Amino acid sequence: MSKKPVTRTARPITEYGAISTVLGKETSFSGILNFQKPLEISGEFQGEIESEGFLLVSEGAKVRANIKAGTVIVGGEITGNVIATQKLEMLSTGKVNGNIKTSKLQIADGVVFDGNCEMIQPNKD
């Protein structure tokens, strides 16, 4: 009996590098999340997120957290306040229920946003 080879799907490449960690669709996580390398949330998360890095909340994901990160891409649903020190991008499937602060904002058609937006100066490292 021969085994079929395991096929791995390629991780998305961002301008910050490859996404190194994925909380999958079947994952539910609660707590305080800190990370450095690009992270994708596809499942559910509740708590707090803090990073200077790249965060992707993919389509179908549900995040109930206050978020502070360098760049945040929203394709799923976020309930909580978001501070994106570099950039916040909302994809057409994205929903944000909370206030946002960012230095660059990109919003696609179809986005649901309920809150206030404040434009801030980008971090200068």
N, C-alpha and C. Protein backbone atom coordinates (compact mmCIF):
# COMPACT_ATOMS: atom_id res chain seq x y z
N MET A 1 0.86 -1.16 0.00
CA MET A 1 0.00 0.00 0.00
C MET A 1 0.91 1.23 0.00
N SER A 2 0.69 2.12 -0.96
CA SER A 2 1.51 3.34 -1.04
C SER A 2 0.77 4.52 -0.41
N LYS A 3 1.54 5.37 0.22
CA LYS A 3 0.96 6.57 0.83
C LYS A 3 0.97 7.70 -0.17
N LYS A 4 -0.08 8.49 -0.13
CA LYS A 4 -0.14 9.67 -0.98
C LYS A 4 0.73 10.75 -0.37
N PRO A 5 1.43 11.51 -1.19
CA PRO A 5 2.26 12.58 -0.63
C PRO A 5 1.38 13.68 -0.04
N VAL A 6 1.86 14.29 1.01
CA VAL A 6 1.15 15.37 1.65
C VAL A 6 1.38 16.64 0.84
N THR A 7 0.30 17.26 0.42
CA THR A 7 0.40 18.50 -0.35
C THR A 7 0.17 19.67 0.58
N ARG A 8 1.12 20.57 0.63
CA ARG A 8 0.98 21.76 1.47
C ARG A 8 0.64 22.93 0.57
N THR A 9 -0.33 23.71 1.03
CA THR A 9 -0.68 24.90 0.27
C THR A 9 0.31 26.00 0.59
N ALA A 10 0.62 26.79 -0.38
CA ALA A 10 1.56 27.88 -0.18
C ALA A 10 0.92 28.95 0.69
N ARG A 11 1.69 29.45 1.62
CA ARG A 11 1.21 30.53 2.48
C ARG A 11 1.29 31.82 1.72
N PRO A 12 0.32 32.70 1.95
CA PRO A 12 0.34 33.98 1.25
C PRO A 12 1.60 34.78 1.57
N ILE A 13 2.10 35.46 0.57
CA ILE A 13 3.26 36.33 0.73
C ILE A 13 2.75 37.76 0.82
N THR A 14 3.18 38.47 1.84
CA THR A 14 2.81 39.87 2.01
C THR A 14 4.05 40.73 1.78
N GLU A 15 3.86 42.02 1.78
CA GLU A 15 5.03 42.89 1.66
C GLU A 15 5.91 42.80 2.90
N TYR A 16 5.43 42.12 3.94
CA TYR A 16 6.18 41.93 5.18
C TYR A 16 6.77 40.53 5.27
N GLY A 17 6.63 39.74 4.23
CA GLY A 17 7.11 38.37 4.21
C GLY A 17 5.96 37.38 4.20
N ALA A 18 6.31 36.09 4.23
CA ALA A 18 5.28 35.04 4.22
C ALA A 18 4.57 35.00 5.57
N ILE A 19 3.29 34.67 5.52
CA ILE A 19 2.54 34.50 6.77
C ILE A 19 3.10 33.26 7.44
N SER A 20 3.63 33.44 8.64
CA SER A 20 4.33 32.34 9.31
C SER A 20 3.44 31.56 10.27
N THR A 21 2.36 32.17 10.75
CA THR A 21 1.47 31.50 11.69
C THR A 21 0.02 31.70 11.25
N VAL A 22 -0.76 30.61 11.30
CA VAL A 22 -2.17 30.67 10.94
C VAL A 22 -2.98 30.02 12.05
N LEU A 23 -3.96 30.77 12.59
CA LEU A 23 -4.95 30.17 13.47
C LEU A 23 -6.09 29.74 12.55
N GLY A 24 -6.20 28.45 12.27
CA GLY A 24 -7.11 27.92 11.27
C GLY A 24 -8.58 28.12 11.56
N LYS A 25 -9.41 27.78 10.58
CA LYS A 25 -10.86 27.97 10.68
C LYS A 25 -11.46 27.20 11.84
N GLU A 26 -10.89 26.06 12.19
CA GLU A 26 -11.42 25.25 13.28
C GLU A 26 -10.87 25.69 14.64
N THR A 27 -10.04 26.72 14.65
CA THR A 27 -9.38 27.15 15.88
C THR A 27 -10.18 28.21 16.61
N SER A 28 -10.29 28.04 17.93
CA SER A 28 -10.89 29.04 18.79
C SER A 28 -9.87 29.32 19.89
N PHE A 29 -9.51 30.58 20.05
CA PHE A 29 -8.43 30.94 20.97
C PHE A 29 -8.86 32.14 21.78
N SER A 30 -8.50 32.13 23.05
CA SER A 30 -8.83 33.24 23.94
C SER A 30 -7.61 33.60 24.75
N GLY A 31 -7.32 34.91 24.86
CA GLY A 31 -6.19 35.34 25.66
C GLY A 31 -5.55 36.60 25.12
N ILE A 32 -4.27 36.76 25.44
CA ILE A 32 -3.49 37.90 24.96
C ILE A 32 -2.52 37.37 23.92
N LEU A 33 -2.56 37.95 22.73
CA LEU A 33 -1.76 37.47 21.61
C LEU A 33 -0.72 38.51 21.24
N ASN A 34 0.55 38.12 21.31
CA ASN A 34 1.66 38.95 20.87
C ASN A 34 2.41 38.16 19.80
N PHE A 35 2.85 38.83 18.75
CA PHE A 35 3.59 38.15 17.69
C PHE A 35 4.50 39.14 16.97
N GLN A 36 5.48 38.61 16.24
CA GLN A 36 6.40 39.45 15.48
C GLN A 36 6.27 39.22 13.98
N LYS A 37 6.19 37.96 13.56
CA LYS A 37 6.10 37.63 12.14
C LYS A 37 4.63 37.66 11.70
N PRO A 38 4.37 37.83 10.40
CA PRO A 38 2.99 37.93 9.91
C PRO A 38 2.10 36.79 10.41
N LEU A 39 0.88 37.16 10.83
CA LEU A 39 -0.08 36.22 11.42
C LEU A 39 -1.41 36.33 10.70
N GLU A 40 -2.04 35.17 10.48
CA GLU A 40 -3.39 35.12 9.90
C GLU A 40 -4.33 34.45 10.88
N ILE A 41 -5.48 35.08 11.11
CA ILE A 41 -6.54 34.47 11.93
C ILE A 41 -7.68 34.10 10.99
N SER A 42 -7.99 32.80 10.94
CA SER A 42 -9.09 32.32 10.10
C SER A 42 -10.24 31.79 10.94
N GLY A 43 -9.99 31.55 12.22
CA GLY A 43 -11.01 31.02 13.13
C GLY A 43 -11.57 32.10 14.02
N GLU A 44 -11.66 31.79 15.32
CA GLU A 44 -12.21 32.73 16.29
C GLU A 44 -11.16 33.08 17.33
N PHE A 45 -11.13 34.36 17.70
CA PHE A 45 -10.21 34.82 18.73
C PHE A 45 -10.93 35.82 19.61
N GLN A 46 -10.68 35.73 20.92
CA GLN A 46 -11.25 36.69 21.86
C GLN A 46 -10.16 37.07 22.86
N GLY A 47 -10.00 38.37 23.09
CA GLY A 47 -9.00 38.83 24.05
C GLY A 47 -8.36 40.14 23.62
N GLU A 48 -7.01 40.14 23.55
CA GLU A 48 -6.27 41.31 23.11
C GLU A 48 -5.15 40.89 22.17
N ILE A 49 -4.89 41.74 21.19
CA ILE A 49 -3.82 41.49 20.24
C ILE A 49 -2.91 42.71 20.22
N GLU A 50 -1.61 42.46 20.37
CA GLU A 50 -0.66 43.56 20.32
C GLU A 50 0.60 43.11 19.59
N SER A 51 0.98 43.89 18.57
CA SER A 51 2.15 43.58 17.77
C SER A 51 2.54 44.80 16.94
N GLU A 52 3.78 44.85 16.53
CA GLU A 52 4.18 45.87 15.56
C GLU A 52 4.13 45.29 14.16
N GLY A 53 3.72 44.04 14.04
CA GLY A 53 3.75 43.32 12.77
C GLY A 53 2.46 43.39 11.97
N PHE A 54 2.30 42.39 11.09
CA PHE A 54 1.22 42.29 10.11
C PHE A 54 0.18 41.29 10.59
N LEU A 55 -1.09 41.69 10.59
CA LEU A 55 -2.19 40.82 11.00
C LEU A 55 -3.23 40.76 9.89
N LEU A 56 -3.59 39.54 9.48
CA LEU A 56 -4.65 39.31 8.51
C LEU A 56 -5.79 38.60 9.22
N VAL A 57 -6.96 39.24 9.24
CA VAL A 57 -8.18 38.62 9.74
C VAL A 57 -8.94 38.20 8.49
N SER A 58 -8.86 36.91 8.17
CA SER A 58 -9.38 36.45 6.88
C SER A 58 -10.90 36.30 6.87
N GLU A 59 -11.44 36.16 5.68
CA GLU A 59 -12.89 36.03 5.50
C GLU A 59 -13.41 34.87 6.33
N GLY A 60 -14.48 35.10 7.08
CA GLY A 60 -15.08 34.08 7.93
C GLY A 60 -14.57 34.09 9.36
N ALA A 61 -13.47 34.78 9.61
CA ALA A 61 -12.91 34.85 10.96
C ALA A 61 -13.74 35.80 11.82
N LYS A 62 -13.78 35.50 13.13
CA LYS A 62 -14.49 36.37 14.08
C LYS A 62 -13.52 36.70 15.21
N VAL A 63 -13.23 37.99 15.35
CA VAL A 63 -12.30 38.45 16.37
C VAL A 63 -13.03 39.43 17.28
N ARG A 64 -13.02 39.13 18.57
CA ARG A 64 -13.58 40.03 19.58
C ARG A 64 -12.41 40.46 20.45
N ALA A 65 -11.78 41.58 20.03
CA ALA A 65 -10.56 42.00 20.72
C ALA A 65 -10.24 43.44 20.39
N ASN A 66 -9.52 44.08 21.29
CA ASN A 66 -8.88 45.34 20.95
C ASN A 66 -7.55 44.97 20.32
N ILE A 67 -7.25 45.61 19.20
CA ILE A 67 -6.08 45.25 18.41
C ILE A 67 -5.16 46.47 18.25
N LYS A 68 -3.87 46.24 18.46
CA LYS A 68 -2.87 47.23 18.13
C LYS A 68 -1.79 46.49 17.35
N ALA A 69 -1.63 46.87 16.07
CA ALA A 69 -0.65 46.21 15.22
C ALA A 69 -0.13 47.21 14.19
N GLY A 70 0.93 46.84 13.52
CA GLY A 70 1.48 47.71 12.49
C GLY A 70 0.54 47.82 11.30
N THR A 71 0.25 46.69 10.68
CA THR A 71 -0.67 46.64 9.54
C THR A 71 -1.75 45.61 9.83
N VAL A 72 -3.01 45.99 9.57
CA VAL A 72 -4.15 45.09 9.79
C VAL A 72 -4.95 45.03 8.50
N ILE A 73 -5.18 43.81 8.01
CA ILE A 73 -6.04 43.57 6.84
C ILE A 73 -7.27 42.85 7.36
N VAL A 74 -8.46 43.41 7.07
CA VAL A 74 -9.71 42.88 7.61
C VAL A 74 -10.57 42.29 6.48
N GLY A 75 -10.69 40.96 6.49
CA GLY A 75 -11.59 40.28 5.56
C GLY A 75 -12.72 39.61 6.32
N GLY A 76 -12.55 39.46 7.62
CA GLY A 76 -13.56 38.85 8.49
C GLY A 76 -14.23 39.91 9.34
N GLU A 77 -14.61 39.51 10.55
CA GLU A 77 -15.36 40.41 11.44
C GLU A 77 -14.56 40.71 12.70
N ILE A 78 -14.40 42.00 13.00
CA ILE A 78 -13.73 42.43 14.22
C ILE A 78 -14.71 43.23 15.06
N THR A 79 -14.83 42.84 16.33
CA THR A 79 -15.60 43.62 17.29
C THR A 79 -14.61 44.09 18.33
N GLY A 80 -14.34 45.38 18.32
CA GLY A 80 -13.35 45.95 19.22
C GLY A 80 -12.64 47.10 18.52
N ASN A 81 -11.81 47.82 19.26
CA ASN A 81 -11.09 48.95 18.70
C ASN A 81 -9.81 48.48 18.03
N VAL A 82 -9.46 49.13 16.92
CA VAL A 82 -8.29 48.75 16.14
C VAL A 82 -7.37 49.95 15.99
N ILE A 83 -6.10 49.77 16.37
CA ILE A 83 -5.07 50.76 16.10
C ILE A 83 -4.08 50.09 15.16
N ALA A 84 -3.98 50.63 13.95
CA ALA A 84 -3.03 50.13 12.95
C ALA A 84 -2.02 51.25 12.70
N THR A 85 -0.84 51.13 13.27
CA THR A 85 0.12 52.23 13.24
C THR A 85 0.66 52.52 11.84
N GLN A 86 0.64 51.52 10.96
CA GLN A 86 1.11 51.72 9.59
C GLN A 86 -0.04 51.81 8.58
N LYS A 87 -0.93 50.82 8.60
CA LYS A 87 -1.99 50.77 7.58
C LYS A 87 -3.13 49.87 8.04
N LEU A 88 -4.36 50.26 7.68
CA LEU A 88 -5.55 49.43 7.89
C LEU A 88 -6.24 49.28 6.55
N GLU A 89 -6.42 48.05 6.13
CA GLU A 89 -7.11 47.77 4.87
C GLU A 89 -8.33 46.91 5.15
N MET A 90 -9.50 47.37 4.68
CA MET A 90 -10.73 46.61 4.85
C MET A 90 -11.15 46.05 3.49
N LEU A 91 -11.17 44.73 3.40
CA LEU A 91 -11.59 44.05 2.18
C LEU A 91 -13.11 44.08 2.09
N SER A 92 -13.65 43.75 0.93
CA SER A 92 -15.10 43.85 0.71
C SER A 92 -15.91 42.97 1.67
N THR A 93 -15.30 41.92 2.20
CA THR A 93 -16.00 41.03 3.14
C THR A 93 -15.79 41.45 4.59
N GLY A 94 -15.06 42.52 4.82
CA GLY A 94 -14.69 42.94 6.17
C GLY A 94 -15.79 43.67 6.92
N LYS A 95 -15.80 43.47 8.25
CA LYS A 95 -16.74 44.16 9.14
C LYS A 95 -15.96 44.58 10.38
N VAL A 96 -16.09 45.85 10.75
CA VAL A 96 -15.47 46.34 11.98
C VAL A 96 -16.54 47.05 12.80
N ASN A 97 -16.74 46.57 14.01
CA ASN A 97 -17.65 47.21 14.97
C ASN A 97 -16.78 47.75 16.10
N GLY A 98 -16.34 48.98 15.95
CA GLY A 98 -15.46 49.59 16.93
C GLY A 98 -14.74 50.77 16.30
N ASN A 99 -13.98 51.48 17.08
CA ASN A 99 -13.25 52.64 16.59
C ASN A 99 -11.92 52.21 15.99
N ILE A 100 -11.48 52.97 14.99
CA ILE A 100 -10.19 52.69 14.38
C ILE A 100 -9.31 53.93 14.41
N LYS A 101 -8.00 53.67 14.55
CA LYS A 101 -6.98 54.71 14.44
C LYS A 101 -5.92 54.15 13.51
N THR A 102 -5.55 54.92 12.49
CA THR A 102 -4.55 54.45 11.56
C THR A 102 -3.92 55.62 10.82
N SER A 103 -2.75 55.36 10.23
CA SER A 103 -2.09 56.41 9.45
C SER A 103 -2.47 56.31 7.97
N LYS A 104 -2.84 55.11 7.50
CA LYS A 104 -3.31 54.91 6.13
C LYS A 104 -4.54 54.03 6.18
N LEU A 105 -5.56 54.39 5.41
CA LEU A 105 -6.82 53.64 5.43
C LEU A 105 -7.25 53.34 4.00
N GLN A 106 -7.57 52.06 3.77
CA GLN A 106 -8.07 51.63 2.46
C GLN A 106 -9.33 50.82 2.71
N ILE A 107 -10.45 51.25 2.08
CA ILE A 107 -11.74 50.60 2.30
C ILE A 107 -12.32 50.18 0.95
N ALA A 108 -12.66 48.91 0.82
CA ALA A 108 -13.27 48.39 -0.41
C ALA A 108 -14.78 48.59 -0.36
N ASP A 109 -15.42 48.53 -1.53
CA ASP A 109 -16.88 48.56 -1.60
C ASP A 109 -17.45 47.37 -0.84
N GLY A 110 -18.53 47.57 -0.10
CA GLY A 110 -19.20 46.49 0.60
C GLY A 110 -18.81 46.34 2.06
N VAL A 111 -17.82 47.09 2.51
CA VAL A 111 -17.36 47.01 3.89
C VAL A 111 -18.45 47.51 4.84
N VAL A 112 -18.56 46.85 6.01
CA VAL A 112 -19.44 47.32 7.07
C VAL A 112 -18.54 47.87 8.17
N PHE A 113 -18.74 49.16 8.50
CA PHE A 113 -17.94 49.80 9.54
C PHE A 113 -18.86 50.61 10.42
N ASP A 114 -18.86 50.28 11.73
CA ASP A 114 -19.68 51.00 12.70
C ASP A 114 -18.77 51.49 13.80
N GLY A 115 -18.41 52.77 13.74
CA GLY A 115 -17.51 53.34 14.73
C GLY A 115 -16.95 54.65 14.23
N ASN A 116 -15.93 55.14 14.91
CA ASN A 116 -15.26 56.38 14.53
C ASN A 116 -13.88 56.06 13.98
N CYS A 117 -13.39 56.95 13.12
CA CYS A 117 -12.06 56.78 12.54
C CYS A 117 -11.23 58.01 12.87
N GLU A 118 -9.99 57.77 13.32
CA GLU A 118 -9.06 58.85 13.58
C GLU A 118 -7.77 58.57 12.81
N MET A 119 -7.33 59.56 12.04
CA MET A 119 -6.10 59.43 11.29
C MET A 119 -4.94 59.87 12.18
N ILE A 120 -3.87 59.07 12.25
CA ILE A 120 -2.72 59.34 13.10
C ILE A 120 -1.44 59.40 12.25
N GLN A 121 -0.39 59.90 12.83
CA GLN A 121 0.92 59.91 12.16
C GLN A 121 1.51 58.49 12.19
N PRO A 122 2.16 58.08 11.09
CA PRO A 122 2.77 56.74 11.09
C PRO A 122 3.94 56.67 12.05
N ASN A 123 4.20 55.46 12.55
CA ASN A 123 5.38 55.24 13.40
C ASN A 123 6.62 55.48 12.58
N LYS A 124 7.56 56.14 13.15
CA LYS A 124 8.85 56.35 12.48
C LYS A 124 9.90 55.62 13.31
N ASP A 125 10.42 54.52 12.74
CA ASP A 125 11.40 53.71 13.48
C ASP A 125 12.80 54.24 13.32
